[in-house]
Amino acid sequence: MVGIHSSTKAPLSLAQISDQAFLALDEAGELVPEVVVRPAIPILFFGDIEQYRRSPLRIVTVGLNPSLAEFPTTGPLERFPAATQLKGLETAVDHDNYVRALSSYFREAPYGSWFGTFEGLLNGMDASFYDGSPNTALHTDICSPVATNPTWSKLPEPARAALVKPGRALWNGLMELLEPHAVLISVARRYLDPLDFASESE
């Protein structure tokens, strides 16, 4: 199993981490409002978390932060329809509908062309983001759960700095909760340097 070294404290619950994701969105809206995509929700993960938990092989894929394409201008929540039932998009969390919105992502209108970059590799591991595979993978973002415009690589450095501190802490907490067996990462190596990976044998 792959893990992240952390404190001896018990992992946060999914509800607690969800609250932190909305707090990260709120703070981003205050610190760097010019780059935050709105209307939107923070994306803690993409994929069915219950199917992931039942998978014999738990696989997490990793990117930088959500694409602005996740919230089309023609229908900002069309990829997350359950999010329309949230009491508030930015300040209040209805945990059940929030997790339902994230878990149903690959059954709604996923950004398939982007996730296809991982799908072939996942299929070779008897896994998929989609239903019908022995193992269900989740996608996460290591820098921030907040979608930005422009994309991460084009963000000004002050905006990146404002987003990455809470985002990295959030991702670490999520990994402790998810306890993946394998982590597939598609980011520049410099984003991995602050991480302290541990194997199950340690």
N, C-alpha and C. Protein backbone atom coordinates (compact mmCIF):
# COMPACT_ATOMS: atom_id res chain seq x y z
N MET A 1 0.84 -1.20 0.00
CA MET A 1 0.00 0.00 0.00
C MET A 1 0.87 1.24 0.00
N VAL A 2 0.41 2.25 -0.73
CA VAL A 2 1.11 3.54 -0.74
C VAL A 2 0.45 4.45 0.26
N GLY A 3 1.23 5.18 1.03
CA GLY A 3 0.66 6.10 2.00
C GLY A 3 1.42 7.39 2.06
N ILE A 4 0.91 8.34 2.81
CA ILE A 4 1.58 9.61 3.06
C ILE A 4 1.88 9.68 4.55
N HIS A 5 3.15 9.90 4.88
CA HIS A 5 3.48 10.06 6.30
C HIS A 5 2.69 11.22 6.87
N SER A 6 2.15 11.04 8.05
CA SER A 6 1.33 12.08 8.68
C SER A 6 1.49 12.01 10.18
N SER A 7 0.69 12.80 10.87
CA SER A 7 0.72 12.79 12.33
C SER A 7 0.05 11.52 12.84
N THR A 8 0.09 11.32 14.14
CA THR A 8 -0.53 10.15 14.75
C THR A 8 -2.03 10.34 14.96
N LYS A 9 -2.56 11.47 14.57
CA LYS A 9 -3.98 11.73 14.72
C LYS A 9 -4.78 10.83 13.77
N ALA A 10 -6.01 10.52 14.16
CA ALA A 10 -6.88 9.72 13.31
C ALA A 10 -7.22 10.52 12.05
N PRO A 11 -7.38 9.83 10.90
CA PRO A 11 -7.74 10.53 9.67
C PRO A 11 -9.06 11.29 9.84
N LEU A 12 -9.18 12.40 9.14
CA LEU A 12 -10.44 13.13 9.14
C LEU A 12 -11.51 12.30 8.44
N SER A 13 -12.76 12.55 8.79
CA SER A 13 -13.87 11.89 8.12
C SER A 13 -14.10 12.53 6.76
N LEU A 14 -14.86 11.86 5.90
CA LEU A 14 -15.18 12.42 4.60
C LEU A 14 -15.95 13.73 4.75
N ALA A 15 -16.84 13.80 5.72
CA ALA A 15 -17.59 15.04 5.95
C ALA A 15 -16.66 16.18 6.35
N GLN A 16 -15.70 15.89 7.21
CA GLN A 16 -14.76 16.93 7.63
C GLN A 16 -13.89 17.41 6.46
N ILE A 17 -13.43 16.49 5.64
CA ILE A 17 -12.62 16.88 4.50
C ILE A 17 -13.46 17.65 3.48
N SER A 18 -14.72 17.27 3.33
CA SER A 18 -15.62 18.01 2.44
C SER A 18 -15.77 19.45 2.92
N ASP A 19 -15.93 19.62 4.23
CA ASP A 19 -16.02 20.97 4.79
C ASP A 19 -14.76 21.78 4.47
N GLN A 20 -13.60 21.13 4.57
CA GLN A 20 -12.35 21.82 4.27
C GLN A 20 -12.27 22.21 2.80
N ALA A 21 -12.82 21.38 1.92
CA ALA A 21 -12.81 21.71 0.50
C ALA A 21 -13.63 22.96 0.23
N PHE A 22 -14.79 23.09 0.87
CA PHE A 22 -15.60 24.29 0.68
C PHE A 22 -14.93 25.50 1.30
N LEU A 23 -14.22 25.29 2.42
CA LEU A 23 -13.47 26.39 3.03
C LEU A 23 -12.37 26.85 2.09
N ALA A 24 -11.71 25.90 1.41
CA ALA A 24 -10.66 26.26 0.45
C ALA A 24 -11.24 27.08 -0.70
N LEU A 25 -12.45 26.75 -1.13
CA LEU A 25 -13.10 27.53 -2.19
C LEU A 25 -13.44 28.93 -1.69
N ASP A 26 -13.96 29.02 -0.48
CA ASP A 26 -14.29 30.32 0.10
C ASP A 26 -13.05 31.20 0.20
N GLU A 27 -11.95 30.63 0.70
CA GLU A 27 -10.72 31.40 0.88
C GLU A 27 -10.15 31.83 -0.46
N ALA A 28 -10.22 30.94 -1.46
CA ALA A 28 -9.73 31.30 -2.79
C ALA A 28 -10.54 32.45 -3.36
N GLY A 29 -11.85 32.43 -3.11
CA GLY A 29 -12.70 33.51 -3.60
C GLY A 29 -12.38 34.85 -2.97
N GLU A 30 -11.82 34.82 -1.76
CA GLU A 30 -11.43 36.06 -1.09
C GLU A 30 -10.04 36.52 -1.51
N LEU A 31 -9.12 35.56 -1.66
CA LEU A 31 -7.71 35.90 -1.91
C LEU A 31 -7.41 36.14 -3.39
N VAL A 32 -7.97 35.31 -4.25
CA VAL A 32 -7.67 35.42 -5.69
C VAL A 32 -8.97 35.27 -6.50
N PRO A 33 -9.94 36.15 -6.26
CA PRO A 33 -11.25 36.00 -6.92
C PRO A 33 -11.18 36.06 -8.44
N GLU A 34 -10.15 36.71 -8.96
CA GLU A 34 -10.05 36.89 -10.41
C GLU A 34 -9.77 35.59 -11.16
N VAL A 35 -9.29 34.55 -10.47
CA VAL A 35 -8.96 33.30 -11.16
C VAL A 35 -9.92 32.16 -10.82
N VAL A 36 -10.82 32.34 -9.87
CA VAL A 36 -11.70 31.27 -9.42
C VAL A 36 -12.90 31.15 -10.35
N VAL A 37 -13.16 29.95 -10.85
CA VAL A 37 -14.30 29.70 -11.72
C VAL A 37 -15.58 29.71 -10.89
N ARG A 38 -16.58 30.46 -11.36
CA ARG A 38 -17.87 30.54 -10.68
C ARG A 38 -18.99 30.58 -11.72
N PRO A 39 -20.16 30.00 -11.41
CA PRO A 39 -20.45 29.19 -10.23
C PRO A 39 -19.77 27.84 -10.33
N ALA A 40 -19.43 27.28 -9.19
CA ALA A 40 -18.71 26.01 -9.16
C ALA A 40 -18.75 25.44 -7.75
N ILE A 41 -18.36 24.20 -7.64
CA ILE A 41 -18.14 23.57 -6.34
C ILE A 41 -16.67 23.14 -6.28
N PRO A 42 -16.11 22.98 -5.10
CA PRO A 42 -14.77 22.40 -5.01
C PRO A 42 -14.87 20.93 -5.36
N ILE A 43 -13.88 20.41 -6.05
CA ILE A 43 -13.93 19.00 -6.43
C ILE A 43 -12.89 18.23 -5.61
N LEU A 44 -13.36 17.57 -4.58
CA LEU A 44 -12.50 16.81 -3.69
C LEU A 44 -11.95 15.58 -4.40
N PHE A 45 -12.79 14.94 -5.20
CA PHE A 45 -12.38 13.78 -6.00
C PHE A 45 -13.40 13.61 -7.12
N PHE A 46 -13.02 12.84 -8.13
CA PHE A 46 -13.91 12.47 -9.22
C PHE A 46 -14.09 10.96 -9.18
N GLY A 47 -15.32 10.47 -9.10
CA GLY A 47 -15.56 9.03 -9.15
C GLY A 47 -16.35 8.52 -7.98
N ASP A 48 -16.81 7.29 -8.11
CA ASP A 48 -17.69 6.67 -7.11
C ASP A 48 -16.88 6.19 -5.92
N ILE A 49 -16.97 6.90 -4.82
CA ILE A 49 -16.14 6.59 -3.67
C ILE A 49 -16.54 5.28 -3.00
N GLU A 50 -17.81 4.91 -3.03
CA GLU A 50 -18.21 3.65 -2.41
C GLU A 50 -17.71 2.46 -3.23
N GLN A 51 -17.79 2.55 -4.55
CA GLN A 51 -17.25 1.48 -5.38
C GLN A 51 -15.73 1.40 -5.24
N TYR A 52 -15.10 2.55 -5.10
CA TYR A 52 -13.65 2.58 -4.86
C TYR A 52 -13.32 1.84 -3.56
N ARG A 53 -14.04 2.10 -2.51
CA ARG A 53 -13.77 1.48 -1.22
C ARG A 53 -13.95 -0.03 -1.26
N ARG A 54 -14.86 -0.50 -2.11
CA ARG A 54 -15.10 -1.95 -2.22
C ARG A 54 -14.14 -2.63 -3.19
N SER A 55 -13.31 -1.88 -3.88
CA SER A 55 -12.43 -2.45 -4.90
C SER A 55 -11.30 -3.26 -4.26
N PRO A 56 -10.99 -4.43 -4.82
CA PRO A 56 -9.84 -5.19 -4.34
C PRO A 56 -8.53 -4.42 -4.49
N LEU A 57 -8.45 -3.62 -5.57
CA LEU A 57 -7.28 -2.77 -5.80
C LEU A 57 -7.75 -1.32 -5.84
N ARG A 58 -7.37 -0.55 -4.84
CA ARG A 58 -7.79 0.85 -4.76
C ARG A 58 -6.73 1.73 -5.44
N ILE A 59 -7.13 2.38 -6.52
CA ILE A 59 -6.21 3.20 -7.31
C ILE A 59 -6.69 4.65 -7.32
N VAL A 60 -5.77 5.55 -7.05
CA VAL A 60 -6.03 6.99 -7.12
C VAL A 60 -5.13 7.59 -8.20
N THR A 61 -5.72 8.38 -9.08
CA THR A 61 -4.92 9.14 -10.04
C THR A 61 -4.84 10.58 -9.58
N VAL A 62 -3.81 11.28 -10.05
CA VAL A 62 -3.53 12.61 -9.51
C VAL A 62 -3.19 13.60 -10.63
N GLY A 63 -3.85 14.76 -10.59
CA GLY A 63 -3.51 15.89 -11.43
C GLY A 63 -3.22 17.10 -10.56
N LEU A 64 -3.30 18.30 -11.14
CA LEU A 64 -2.96 19.51 -10.40
C LEU A 64 -4.16 20.18 -9.75
N ASN A 65 -5.14 20.59 -10.57
CA ASN A 65 -6.38 21.16 -10.05
C ASN A 65 -7.45 20.99 -11.11
N PRO A 66 -8.72 21.11 -10.74
CA PRO A 66 -9.79 20.89 -11.71
C PRO A 66 -9.75 21.89 -12.87
N SER A 67 -10.13 21.40 -14.03
CA SER A 67 -10.18 22.24 -15.22
C SER A 67 -11.42 23.14 -15.19
N LEU A 68 -11.29 24.32 -15.78
CA LEU A 68 -12.46 25.19 -15.92
C LEU A 68 -13.52 24.52 -16.79
N ALA A 69 -13.11 23.54 -17.63
CA ALA A 69 -14.05 22.82 -18.48
C ALA A 69 -15.03 21.97 -17.67
N GLU A 70 -14.74 21.75 -16.38
CA GLU A 70 -15.67 21.00 -15.55
C GLU A 70 -16.95 21.78 -15.28
N PHE A 71 -16.94 23.08 -15.54
CA PHE A 71 -18.10 23.93 -15.26
C PHE A 71 -18.43 24.74 -16.52
N PRO A 72 -19.01 24.10 -17.55
CA PRO A 72 -19.30 24.79 -18.81
C PRO A 72 -20.19 26.01 -18.61
N THR A 73 -19.94 27.04 -19.36
CA THR A 73 -20.75 28.26 -19.24
C THR A 73 -22.20 28.00 -19.62
N THR A 74 -22.44 27.02 -20.48
CA THR A 74 -23.82 26.72 -20.91
C THR A 74 -24.60 25.98 -19.83
N GLY A 75 -23.92 25.38 -18.88
CA GLY A 75 -24.58 24.66 -17.80
C GLY A 75 -23.55 24.31 -16.75
N PRO A 76 -23.22 25.25 -15.86
CA PRO A 76 -22.08 25.07 -14.94
C PRO A 76 -22.10 23.78 -14.13
N LEU A 77 -23.28 23.27 -13.78
CA LEU A 77 -23.34 22.07 -12.94
C LEU A 77 -23.83 20.83 -13.70
N GLU A 78 -23.75 20.86 -15.03
CA GLU A 78 -24.26 19.72 -15.79
C GLU A 78 -23.45 18.45 -15.55
N ARG A 79 -22.20 18.58 -15.16
CA ARG A 79 -21.39 17.40 -14.84
C ARG A 79 -21.62 16.93 -13.40
N PHE A 80 -22.26 17.75 -12.59
CA PHE A 80 -22.51 17.45 -11.17
C PHE A 80 -23.96 17.79 -10.81
N PRO A 81 -24.94 17.16 -11.46
CA PRO A 81 -26.33 17.58 -11.26
C PRO A 81 -26.82 17.50 -9.82
N ALA A 82 -26.32 16.57 -9.03
CA ALA A 82 -26.76 16.49 -7.64
C ALA A 82 -26.36 17.73 -6.85
N ALA A 83 -25.36 18.46 -7.35
CA ALA A 83 -24.93 19.69 -6.67
C ALA A 83 -25.98 20.78 -6.72
N THR A 84 -26.95 20.65 -7.64
CA THR A 84 -28.02 21.65 -7.69
C THR A 84 -28.90 21.58 -6.44
N GLN A 85 -28.79 20.47 -5.70
CA GLN A 85 -29.58 20.30 -4.48
C GLN A 85 -28.86 20.83 -3.24
N LEU A 86 -27.62 21.28 -3.40
CA LEU A 86 -26.89 21.81 -2.25
C LEU A 86 -27.56 23.07 -1.74
N LYS A 87 -27.51 23.26 -0.43
CA LYS A 87 -28.12 24.44 0.17
C LYS A 87 -27.36 25.71 -0.18
N GLY A 88 -26.07 25.56 -0.41
CA GLY A 88 -25.26 26.71 -0.81
C GLY A 88 -24.03 26.20 -1.53
N LEU A 89 -23.66 26.83 -2.62
CA LEU A 89 -22.53 26.34 -3.41
C LEU A 89 -21.19 26.70 -2.79
N GLU A 90 -21.15 27.69 -1.91
CA GLU A 90 -19.85 28.14 -1.46
C GLU A 90 -19.68 28.21 0.05
N THR A 91 -20.76 28.26 0.80
CA THR A 91 -20.60 28.46 2.24
C THR A 91 -21.22 27.37 3.10
N ALA A 92 -22.04 26.51 2.54
CA ALA A 92 -22.70 25.47 3.33
C ALA A 92 -22.58 24.14 2.60
N VAL A 93 -22.35 23.08 3.36
CA VAL A 93 -22.17 21.77 2.76
C VAL A 93 -23.31 20.84 3.16
N ASP A 94 -24.00 20.33 2.18
CA ASP A 94 -24.93 19.22 2.34
C ASP A 94 -24.13 17.99 1.94
N HIS A 95 -23.57 17.31 2.91
CA HIS A 95 -22.59 16.28 2.62
C HIS A 95 -23.11 15.18 1.71
N ASP A 96 -24.34 14.73 1.93
CA ASP A 96 -24.88 13.64 1.13
C ASP A 96 -24.95 14.01 -0.34
N ASN A 97 -25.52 15.19 -0.65
CA ASN A 97 -25.65 15.59 -2.05
C ASN A 97 -24.30 15.95 -2.66
N TYR A 98 -23.39 16.48 -1.85
CA TYR A 98 -22.07 16.80 -2.36
C TYR A 98 -21.32 15.54 -2.78
N VAL A 99 -21.29 14.55 -1.90
CA VAL A 99 -20.61 13.29 -2.23
C VAL A 99 -21.33 12.59 -3.38
N ARG A 100 -22.64 12.66 -3.42
CA ARG A 100 -23.39 12.07 -4.53
C ARG A 100 -23.02 12.73 -5.85
N ALA A 101 -22.86 14.05 -5.83
CA ALA A 101 -22.48 14.77 -7.05
C ALA A 101 -21.12 14.33 -7.55
N LEU A 102 -20.16 14.18 -6.64
CA LEU A 102 -18.81 13.76 -7.04
C LEU A 102 -18.80 12.30 -7.49
N SER A 103 -19.55 11.46 -6.79
CA SER A 103 -19.54 10.02 -7.08
C SER A 103 -20.21 9.68 -8.40
N SER A 104 -21.15 10.49 -8.84
CA SER A 104 -21.87 10.19 -10.09
C SER A 104 -21.21 10.84 -11.31
N TYR A 105 -20.07 11.49 -11.12
CA TYR A 105 -19.44 12.26 -12.20
C TYR A 105 -19.28 11.46 -13.49
N PHE A 106 -18.77 10.26 -13.41
CA PHE A 106 -18.49 9.48 -14.62
C PHE A 106 -19.74 8.82 -15.21
N ARG A 107 -20.90 9.06 -14.59
CA ARG A 107 -22.17 8.58 -15.15
C ARG A 107 -22.96 9.72 -15.76
N GLU A 108 -22.45 10.93 -15.66
CA GLU A 108 -23.19 12.09 -16.14
C GLU A 108 -22.60 12.62 -17.45
N ALA A 109 -21.77 13.63 -17.37
CA ALA A 109 -21.19 14.23 -18.58
C ALA A 109 -19.71 14.49 -18.34
N PRO A 110 -18.92 13.42 -18.11
CA PRO A 110 -17.51 13.61 -17.76
C PRO A 110 -16.70 14.24 -18.88
N TYR A 111 -15.62 14.87 -18.50
CA TYR A 111 -14.67 15.47 -19.44
C TYR A 111 -13.80 14.32 -19.97
N GLY A 112 -14.41 13.49 -20.80
CA GLY A 112 -13.82 12.22 -21.18
C GLY A 112 -12.50 12.31 -21.89
N SER A 113 -12.31 13.32 -22.72
CA SER A 113 -11.05 13.41 -23.47
C SER A 113 -9.86 13.58 -22.54
N TRP A 114 -10.03 14.26 -21.42
CA TRP A 114 -8.92 14.43 -20.48
C TRP A 114 -8.70 13.15 -19.68
N PHE A 115 -9.76 12.57 -19.15
CA PHE A 115 -9.60 11.38 -18.32
C PHE A 115 -9.18 10.16 -19.13
N GLY A 116 -9.33 10.23 -20.45
CA GLY A 116 -8.86 9.15 -21.30
C GLY A 116 -7.37 8.93 -21.22
N THR A 117 -6.63 9.95 -20.79
CA THR A 117 -5.17 9.81 -20.67
C THR A 117 -4.79 8.79 -19.58
N PHE A 118 -5.65 8.61 -18.60
CA PHE A 118 -5.43 7.63 -17.54
C PHE A 118 -6.14 6.30 -17.83
N GLU A 119 -7.23 6.35 -18.56
CA GLU A 119 -8.12 5.20 -18.67
C GLU A 119 -7.42 3.97 -19.25
N GLY A 120 -6.58 4.15 -20.28
CA GLY A 120 -5.89 3.01 -20.87
C GLY A 120 -5.01 2.30 -19.87
N LEU A 121 -4.27 3.05 -19.07
CA LEU A 121 -3.41 2.48 -18.04
C LEU A 121 -4.24 1.78 -16.98
N LEU A 122 -5.33 2.40 -16.58
CA LEU A 122 -6.21 1.79 -15.58
C LEU A 122 -6.78 0.47 -16.08
N ASN A 123 -7.20 0.45 -17.35
CA ASN A 123 -7.77 -0.78 -17.90
C ASN A 123 -6.77 -1.93 -17.83
N GLY A 124 -5.48 -1.61 -18.02
CA GLY A 124 -4.45 -2.64 -17.91
C GLY A 124 -4.28 -3.17 -16.50
N MET A 125 -4.87 -2.48 -15.52
CA MET A 125 -4.82 -2.91 -14.12
C MET A 125 -6.19 -3.42 -13.66
N ASP A 126 -7.04 -3.77 -14.65
CA ASP A 126 -8.41 -4.21 -14.36
C ASP A 126 -9.17 -3.16 -13.56
N ALA A 127 -8.97 -1.90 -13.93
CA ALA A 127 -9.61 -0.78 -13.23
C ALA A 127 -10.15 0.22 -14.25
N SER A 128 -10.99 1.11 -13.76
CA SER A 128 -11.57 2.14 -14.61
C SER A 128 -12.19 3.21 -13.72
N PHE A 129 -12.37 4.39 -14.31
CA PHE A 129 -13.18 5.41 -13.64
C PHE A 129 -14.67 5.08 -13.78
N TYR A 130 -14.99 4.28 -14.78
CA TYR A 130 -16.37 4.01 -15.16
C TYR A 130 -16.87 2.69 -14.56
N ASP A 131 -18.18 2.49 -14.57
CA ASP A 131 -18.78 1.27 -14.06
C ASP A 131 -18.39 0.07 -14.93
N GLY A 132 -18.45 -1.12 -14.34
CA GLY A 132 -18.25 -2.33 -15.10
C GLY A 132 -16.88 -2.96 -14.98
N SER A 133 -16.00 -2.37 -14.20
CA SER A 133 -14.66 -2.91 -14.01
C SER A 133 -14.53 -3.52 -12.62
N PRO A 134 -13.65 -4.51 -12.44
CA PRO A 134 -13.47 -5.08 -11.10
C PRO A 134 -13.01 -4.06 -10.06
N ASN A 135 -12.28 -3.03 -10.52
CA ASN A 135 -11.76 -2.01 -9.60
C ASN A 135 -12.15 -0.62 -10.09
N THR A 136 -12.63 0.21 -9.19
CA THR A 136 -13.01 1.58 -9.52
C THR A 136 -11.96 2.55 -9.01
N ALA A 137 -11.43 3.36 -9.91
CA ALA A 137 -10.42 4.36 -9.55
C ALA A 137 -11.07 5.70 -9.24
N LEU A 138 -10.38 6.48 -8.44
CA LEU A 138 -10.78 7.87 -8.17
C LEU A 138 -9.70 8.79 -8.71
N HIS A 139 -10.11 9.99 -9.16
CA HIS A 139 -9.14 11.00 -9.54
C HIS A 139 -9.15 12.11 -8.49
N THR A 140 -7.96 12.63 -8.19
CA THR A 140 -7.80 13.71 -7.21
C THR A 140 -6.86 14.76 -7.79
N ASP A 141 -6.80 15.91 -7.15
CA ASP A 141 -5.89 16.97 -7.59
C ASP A 141 -5.02 17.42 -6.42
N ILE A 142 -3.72 17.44 -6.65
CA ILE A 142 -2.75 17.61 -5.58
C ILE A 142 -2.56 19.06 -5.13
N CYS A 143 -2.86 20.02 -6.02
CA CYS A 143 -2.60 21.43 -5.67
C CYS A 143 -3.82 22.15 -5.10
N SER A 144 -5.00 21.85 -5.63
CA SER A 144 -6.19 22.55 -5.16
C SER A 144 -7.44 21.85 -5.67
N PRO A 145 -8.54 21.88 -4.90
CA PRO A 145 -9.82 21.37 -5.38
C PRO A 145 -10.62 22.44 -6.13
N VAL A 146 -10.01 23.61 -6.32
CA VAL A 146 -10.69 24.76 -6.90
C VAL A 146 -10.36 24.88 -8.40
N ALA A 147 -11.37 24.94 -9.23
CA ALA A 147 -11.18 25.14 -10.66
C ALA A 147 -10.78 26.59 -10.92
N THR A 148 -9.82 26.79 -11.82
CA THR A 148 -9.32 28.14 -12.09
C THR A 148 -9.34 28.47 -13.58
N ASN A 149 -9.38 29.73 -13.84
CA ASN A 149 -9.25 30.28 -15.19
C ASN A 149 -8.29 31.46 -15.12
N PRO A 150 -7.08 31.32 -15.65
CA PRO A 150 -6.58 30.28 -16.55
C PRO A 150 -6.22 28.99 -15.81
N THR A 151 -5.73 28.01 -16.59
CA THR A 151 -5.31 26.74 -16.02
C THR A 151 -4.08 26.96 -15.13
N TRP A 152 -3.76 25.93 -14.34
CA TRP A 152 -2.71 26.05 -13.33
C TRP A 152 -1.39 26.55 -13.90
N SER A 153 -0.97 26.01 -15.02
CA SER A 153 0.34 26.37 -15.58
C SER A 153 0.43 27.83 -15.97
N LYS A 154 -0.71 28.47 -16.19
CA LYS A 154 -0.72 29.88 -16.60
C LYS A 154 -1.12 30.83 -15.47
N LEU A 155 -1.34 30.28 -14.27
CA LEU A 155 -1.71 31.14 -13.15
C LEU A 155 -0.51 31.96 -12.69
N PRO A 156 -0.72 33.21 -12.26
CA PRO A 156 0.37 33.98 -11.65
C PRO A 156 0.85 33.27 -10.39
N GLU A 157 2.11 33.39 -10.08
CA GLU A 157 2.68 32.69 -8.94
C GLU A 157 1.98 33.03 -7.62
N PRO A 158 1.58 34.31 -7.36
CA PRO A 158 0.86 34.59 -6.11
C PRO A 158 -0.45 33.82 -6.00
N ALA A 159 -1.14 33.62 -7.13
CA ALA A 159 -2.38 32.86 -7.10
C ALA A 159 -2.11 31.40 -6.79
N ARG A 160 -1.07 30.85 -7.39
CA ARG A 160 -0.72 29.45 -7.10
C ARG A 160 -0.40 29.27 -5.62
N ALA A 161 0.37 30.21 -5.08
CA ALA A 161 0.77 30.11 -3.67
C ALA A 161 -0.45 30.17 -2.75
N ALA A 162 -1.42 30.99 -3.09
CA ALA A 162 -2.62 31.12 -2.27
C ALA A 162 -3.46 29.85 -2.30
N LEU A 163 -3.43 29.15 -3.42
CA LEU A 163 -4.26 27.96 -3.58
C LEU A 163 -3.59 26.69 -3.07
N VAL A 164 -2.26 26.61 -3.21
CA VAL A 164 -1.60 25.33 -2.98
C VAL A 164 -1.45 24.98 -1.50
N LYS A 165 -1.33 25.94 -0.63
CA LYS A 165 -1.13 25.59 0.80
C LYS A 165 -2.34 24.85 1.36
N PRO A 166 -3.56 25.40 1.25
CA PRO A 166 -4.71 24.63 1.75
C PRO A 166 -4.99 23.41 0.89
N GLY A 167 -4.70 23.52 -0.41
CA GLY A 167 -4.96 22.41 -1.31
C GLY A 167 -4.10 21.20 -1.02
N ARG A 168 -2.82 21.41 -0.72
CA ARG A 168 -1.92 20.31 -0.42
C ARG A 168 -2.31 19.63 0.89
N ALA A 169 -2.65 20.43 1.90
CA ALA A 169 -3.08 19.85 3.17
C ALA A 169 -4.35 19.02 2.98
N LEU A 170 -5.24 19.52 2.17
CA LEU A 170 -6.49 18.82 1.89
C LEU A 170 -6.21 17.49 1.20
N TRP A 171 -5.32 17.50 0.22
CA TRP A 171 -5.00 16.28 -0.52
C TRP A 171 -4.34 15.24 0.39
N ASN A 172 -3.44 15.68 1.25
CA ASN A 172 -2.80 14.76 2.19
C ASN A 172 -3.84 14.09 3.09
N GLY A 173 -4.77 14.88 3.59
CA GLY A 173 -5.82 14.33 4.44
C GLY A 173 -6.70 13.36 3.69
N LEU A 174 -6.98 13.67 2.43
CA LEU A 174 -7.80 12.78 1.61
C LEU A 174 -7.09 11.45 1.38
N MET A 175 -5.79 11.48 1.13
CA MET A 175 -5.05 10.25 0.92
C MET A 175 -5.06 9.37 2.17
N GLU A 176 -4.96 9.98 3.33
CA GLU A 176 -5.03 9.20 4.57
C GLU A 176 -6.37 8.50 4.69
N LEU A 177 -7.42 9.17 4.26
CA LEU A 177 -8.76 8.58 4.33
C LEU A 177 -8.95 7.49 3.27
N LEU A 178 -8.46 7.73 2.06
CA LEU A 178 -8.69 6.80 0.96
C LEU A 178 -7.81 5.56 1.03
N GLU A 179 -6.64 5.66 1.63
CA GLU A 179 -5.71 4.54 1.76
C GLU A 179 -5.54 3.78 0.44
N PRO A 180 -5.05 4.44 -0.60
CA PRO A 180 -4.90 3.75 -1.90
C PRO A 180 -3.80 2.70 -1.88
N HIS A 181 -3.98 1.67 -2.72
CA HIS A 181 -2.92 0.69 -2.94
C HIS A 181 -1.92 1.20 -3.97
N ALA A 182 -2.39 2.02 -4.90
CA ALA A 182 -1.54 2.56 -5.96
C ALA A 182 -1.96 3.98 -6.28
N VAL A 183 -0.97 4.83 -6.55
CA VAL A 183 -1.22 6.23 -6.90
C VAL A 183 -0.54 6.50 -8.25
N LEU A 184 -1.34 6.90 -9.24
CA LEU A 184 -0.82 7.20 -10.57
C LEU A 184 -0.81 8.71 -10.74
N ILE A 185 0.38 9.29 -10.90
CA ILE A 185 0.54 10.74 -10.86
C ILE A 185 0.97 11.28 -12.22
N SER A 186 0.29 12.32 -12.66
CA SER A 186 0.63 12.97 -13.93
C SER A 186 0.84 14.46 -13.69
N VAL A 187 1.91 14.78 -12.97
CA VAL A 187 2.27 16.17 -12.69
C VAL A 187 3.79 16.30 -12.75
N ALA A 188 4.28 17.52 -12.87
CA ALA A 188 5.72 17.76 -12.85
C ALA A 188 6.31 17.34 -11.50
N ARG A 189 7.54 16.85 -11.52
CA ARG A 189 8.17 16.32 -10.31
C ARG A 189 8.25 17.36 -9.18
N ARG A 190 8.34 18.63 -9.52
CA ARG A 190 8.50 19.65 -8.47
C ARG A 190 7.29 19.68 -7.53
N TYR A 191 6.12 19.21 -8.02
CA TYR A 191 4.95 19.20 -7.15
C TYR A 191 4.97 18.03 -6.17
N LEU A 192 5.87 17.08 -6.39
CA LEU A 192 5.95 15.92 -5.52
C LEU A 192 6.99 16.05 -4.43
N ASP A 193 7.92 16.98 -4.61
CA ASP A 193 9.02 17.11 -3.67
C ASP A 193 8.59 17.27 -2.21
N PRO A 194 7.51 18.04 -1.91
CA PRO A 194 7.14 18.19 -0.50
C PRO A 194 6.46 16.96 0.08
N LEU A 195 6.13 15.96 -0.75
CA LEU A 195 5.40 14.80 -0.26
C LEU A 195 6.35 13.76 0.32
N ASP A 196 5.86 13.03 1.30
CA ASP A 196 6.66 11.98 1.95
C ASP A 196 5.89 10.68 1.83
N PHE A 197 6.14 9.93 0.76
CA PHE A 197 5.43 8.69 0.54
C PHE A 197 6.00 7.58 1.41
N ALA A 198 5.14 6.72 1.86
CA ALA A 198 5.55 5.56 2.66
C ALA A 198 4.94 4.31 2.08
N SER A 199 5.67 3.22 2.12
CA SER A 199 5.13 1.94 1.67
C SER A 199 4.56 1.18 2.85
N GLU A 200 3.72 0.19 2.54
CA GLU A 200 3.08 -0.58 3.59
C GLU A 200 4.10 -1.34 4.43
N SER A 201 5.26 -1.63 3.83
CA SER A 201 6.26 -2.42 4.53
C SER A 201 7.02 -1.65 5.59
N GLU A 202 6.87 -0.31 5.58
CA GLU A 202 7.63 0.50 6.53
C GLU A 202 7.01 0.44 7.91
